[in-house]
Protein backbone atom coordinates (compact mmCIF):
# COMPACT_ATOMS: atom_id res chain seq x y z
CA MET A 1 85.18 84.10 -45.65
CA GLY A 2 85.63 85.50 -49.15
CA TRP A 3 84.80 89.03 -48.00
CA LEU A 4 87.72 89.23 -45.57
CA PRO A 5 90.72 91.19 -46.84
CA GLN A 6 93.81 89.19 -47.62
CA TRP A 7 96.30 92.02 -47.98
CA PRO A 8 97.07 94.92 -45.64
CA TRP A 9 96.10 97.57 -48.20
CA GLU A 10 92.59 96.06 -48.34
CA MET A 11 91.95 96.66 -44.62
CA TRP A 12 89.68 99.65 -44.14
CA TRP A 13 90.89 100.34 -40.63
CA LEU A 14 94.51 100.81 -41.77
CA TRP A 15 93.40 103.53 -44.18
CA THR A 16 91.32 105.10 -41.41
CA VAL A 17 94.26 105.08 -38.98
CA ALA A 18 96.42 106.63 -41.70
CA ALA A 19 93.77 109.32 -42.24
CA LEU A 20 93.67 110.11 -38.52
CA ALA A 21 97.48 110.20 -38.32
CA LEU A 22 97.63 112.60 -41.27
CA GLY A 23 94.96 114.76 -39.64
CA ILE A 24 97.00 114.94 -36.44
CA LEU A 25 100.11 115.72 -38.46
CA GLU A 26 98.20 118.55 -40.14
CA ALA A 27 97.45 120.02 -36.72
CA ILE A 28 101.17 120.03 -35.97
CA VAL A 29 102.39 121.23 -39.39
CA PRO A 30 99.67 123.44 -40.94
CA GLY A 31 99.43 124.05 -44.65
CA TYR A 32 96.48 121.94 -45.82
CA VAL A 33 98.77 119.38 -47.49
CA PHE A 34 98.50 116.56 -44.97
CA LEU A 35 94.79 117.26 -44.54
CA GLY A 36 94.24 116.57 -48.24
CA PHE A 37 96.12 113.28 -47.99
CA GLY A 38 94.10 112.49 -44.88
CA PHE A 39 90.86 113.06 -46.79
CA GLY A 40 92.14 110.75 -49.53
CA ALA A 41 93.04 108.00 -47.09
CA GLY A 42 89.74 108.47 -45.28
CA ALA A 43 87.81 108.19 -48.54
CA VAL A 44 89.55 104.92 -49.39
CA GLY A 45 88.95 103.59 -45.86
CA LEU A 46 85.28 104.53 -46.03
CA GLY A 47 84.97 103.03 -49.50
CA LEU A 48 86.53 99.76 -48.34
CA LEU A 49 84.23 99.67 -45.32
CA VAL A 50 80.96 100.55 -47.07
CA ALA A 51 81.37 99.14 -50.57
CA PRO A 52 84.52 97.03 -50.95
CA GLY A 53 83.29 95.59 -54.25
CA ILE A 54 83.43 98.88 -56.14
CA MET A 55 86.92 99.88 -54.97
CA PRO A 56 89.70 99.12 -57.47
CA GLY A 57 91.83 96.11 -56.66
CA GLY A 58 95.44 96.19 -55.65
CA PRO A 59 97.49 98.82 -53.90
CA GLY A 60 97.99 100.88 -57.06
CA GLY A 61 94.28 101.37 -57.66
CA LEU A 62 93.59 102.27 -54.04
CA MET A 63 96.47 104.72 -53.97
CA LEU A 64 95.22 106.26 -57.20
CA VAL A 65 91.79 106.82 -55.63
CA ALA A 66 93.44 108.29 -52.53
CA ALA A 67 95.62 110.58 -54.65
CA VAL A 68 92.71 111.86 -56.75
CA VAL A 69 90.59 112.55 -53.66
CA ALA A 70 93.58 114.22 -51.98
CA LEU A 71 94.15 116.49 -54.97
CA LEU A 72 90.48 117.43 -55.21
CA SER A 73 90.22 118.09 -51.48
CA TRP A 74 93.39 120.21 -51.55
CA LEU A 75 91.97 122.28 -54.42
CA VAL A 76 88.69 122.75 -52.54
CA LEU A 77 90.52 123.69 -49.33
CA ARG A 78 92.69 126.14 -51.24
CA ALA A 79 89.61 127.73 -52.84
CA VAL A 80 87.61 127.91 -49.60
CA VAL A 81 90.33 128.89 -47.16
CA GLY A 82 92.54 130.69 -49.64
CA ARG A 83 96.05 131.93 -49.18
CA ARG A 84 97.18 133.73 -46.10
CA PRO A 85 98.30 137.34 -46.62
CA GLY A 86 102.03 137.51 -47.08
CA GLN A 87 102.32 133.83 -47.96
CA VAL A 88 104.06 134.51 -51.26
CA LYS A 89 107.49 136.08 -50.89
CA TYR A 90 108.99 138.14 -53.71
CA TRP A 91 112.74 138.59 -53.63
CA ASP A 92 114.05 141.91 -54.93
CA ARG A 93 117.70 141.21 -54.29
CA ASP A 94 119.67 137.97 -54.39
CA ILE A 95 122.11 137.36 -51.57
CA ASN A 96 124.73 136.22 -54.09
CA ASP A 97 124.60 139.42 -56.19
CA ASP A 98 127.05 141.41 -54.05
């Protein structure tokens, strides 16, 4: 029984549910932000399922892994998908300058 998780953050299925919820949220609010966090949570869930011994212990270590994977996946998504035309807005005049 030593392989069973004792804490909620050690349960692989919670991370997987969080990844799915973030993926659904990304479908509602596009921008590739929630998708990156979903990839991070999914990576931690998969790591806890496949090889729980190599995952760092405690919630801080797992969240660090999720954050690093989320950042890397966001950078990859940004490079692959890119910015939409007209996404950056330049203001020529301030509304308060009258």
